[in-house]
């Protein structure tokens, strides 16, 4: 995914009419890819992915539950990663997002 695609997901999430479609049709693979993008060493992509996840979480219980389920699986992978300066930032932002989701 590129930054513009991530921004599009965020913008679509902000339109109330899209809520039902996003909640029922957005595949778990999309959530997994959004979470996986947080591991990259590109700050622009990380910020865009965090924003998209935040906007999705604003839709309610369905999306927040799916984000939480995917993030639980990813947290095992995170524990094996070596923390660099960027990954510390990502973990901090992701923790803030997770607190909002849960």
Protein backbone atom coordinates (compact mmCIF):
# COMPACT_ATOMS: atom_id res chain seq x y z
CA UNK A 1 0.00 0.00 0.00
CA UNK A 2 1.19 3.49 -0.64
CA UNK A 3 0.54 6.57 1.47
CA UNK A 4 -2.31 7.76 -0.73
CA UNK A 5 -4.09 4.41 -0.34
CA UNK A 6 -3.73 4.66 3.43
CA UNK A 7 -5.10 8.19 3.36
CA UNK A 8 -8.03 6.97 1.27
CA UNK A 9 -8.87 4.32 3.86
CA UNK A 10 -8.84 7.03 6.52
CA UNK A 11 -11.04 9.37 4.49
CA UNK A 12 -13.52 6.60 3.67
CA UNK A 13 -13.74 5.79 7.36
CA UNK A 14 -14.78 9.35 8.13
CA UNK A 15 -17.95 9.16 6.02
CA UNK A 16 -20.88 7.81 8.05
CA UNK A 17 -22.50 6.15 5.02
CA UNK A 18 -19.42 3.94 4.63
CA UNK A 19 -19.54 2.49 8.13
CA UNK A 20 -21.66 -0.58 7.36
CA UNK A 21 -19.74 -1.40 4.19
CA UNK A 22 -16.35 -1.07 5.89
CA UNK A 23 -17.41 -3.07 8.94
CA UNK A 24 -18.84 -5.92 6.90
CA UNK A 25 -16.56 -6.04 3.86
CA UNK A 26 -13.08 -4.92 4.89
CA UNK A 27 -11.09 -8.13 4.94
CA UNK A 28 -8.86 -9.11 7.86
CA UNK A 29 -5.94 -9.10 5.43
CA UNK A 30 -6.27 -5.32 5.19
CA UNK A 31 -6.02 -4.99 8.97
CA UNK A 32 -3.02 -7.33 8.99
CA UNK A 33 -1.31 -5.29 6.28
CA UNK A 34 -1.97 -2.04 8.12
CA UNK A 35 -0.43 -3.45 11.29
CA UNK A 36 2.50 -4.91 9.33
CA UNK A 37 3.24 -1.47 7.86
CA UNK A 38 4.05 -0.28 11.38
CA UNK A 39 7.22 -2.39 11.23
CA UNK A 40 8.68 -0.56 8.24
CA UNK A 41 11.48 1.96 8.51
CA UNK A 42 9.57 4.67 6.66
CA UNK A 43 8.12 7.24 9.02
CA UNK A 44 5.67 8.60 6.43
CA UNK A 45 4.13 5.15 5.90
CA UNK A 46 4.05 4.49 9.64
CA UNK A 47 2.19 7.72 10.36
CA UNK A 48 -0.26 7.10 7.49
CA UNK A 49 -0.91 3.54 8.72
CA UNK A 50 -1.48 4.76 12.28
CA UNK A 51 -3.89 7.40 11.04
CA UNK A 52 -5.81 4.84 8.96
CA UNK A 53 -6.03 2.50 11.96
CA UNK A 54 -7.20 5.36 14.15
CA UNK A 55 -9.91 6.35 11.67
CA UNK A 56 -11.05 2.74 11.39
CA UNK A 57 -11.17 2.46 15.17
CA UNK A 58 -13.51 5.44 15.26
CA UNK A 59 -16.17 3.37 13.44
CA UNK A 60 -16.97 1.35 16.55
CA UNK A 61 -16.82 -2.08 18.10
CA UNK A 62 -16.56 -4.16 14.92
CA UNK A 63 -13.45 -2.44 13.61
CA UNK A 64 -11.84 -1.99 17.01
CA UNK A 65 -12.27 -5.69 17.77
CA UNK A 66 -10.72 -6.66 14.46
CA UNK A 67 -7.78 -4.30 15.03
CA UNK A 68 -7.29 -5.70 18.53
CA UNK A 69 -7.37 -9.30 17.27
CA UNK A 70 -4.81 -8.59 14.57
CA UNK A 71 -2.62 -6.52 16.89
CA UNK A 72 -2.56 -9.35 19.45
CA UNK A 73 -1.09 -11.64 16.80
CA UNK A 74 1.41 -8.98 15.76
CA UNK A 75 2.53 -8.27 19.34
CA UNK A 76 4.23 -11.68 19.42
CA UNK A 77 6.19 -10.69 16.33
CA UNK A 78 7.05 -7.31 17.86
CA UNK A 79 8.65 -8.91 20.89
CA UNK A 80 11.23 -10.52 18.60
CA UNK A 81 12.15 -7.26 16.85
CA UNK A 82 15.21 -5.21 17.72
CA UNK A 83 14.03 -1.75 18.76
CA UNK A 84 15.52 1.10 16.81
CA UNK A 85 14.66 4.75 17.27
CA UNK A 86 11.84 4.46 14.74
CA UNK A 87 10.42 1.29 16.20
CA UNK A 88 10.31 2.88 19.66
CA UNK A 89 8.18 5.63 18.12
CA UNK A 90 5.96 3.03 16.44
CA UNK A 91 5.48 1.02 19.62
CA UNK A 92 4.60 4.21 21.51
CA UNK A 93 2.06 5.32 18.88
CA UNK A 94 0.65 1.81 18.56
CA UNK A 95 0.22 1.60 22.34
CA UNK A 96 -1.67 4.89 22.26
CA UNK A 97 -3.87 3.54 19.43
CA UNK A 98 -4.44 0.25 21.28
CA UNK A 99 -5.48 2.15 24.40
CA UNK A 100 -7.99 4.05 22.28
CA UNK A 101 -9.24 0.85 20.66
CA UNK A 102 -9.67 -1.07 23.88
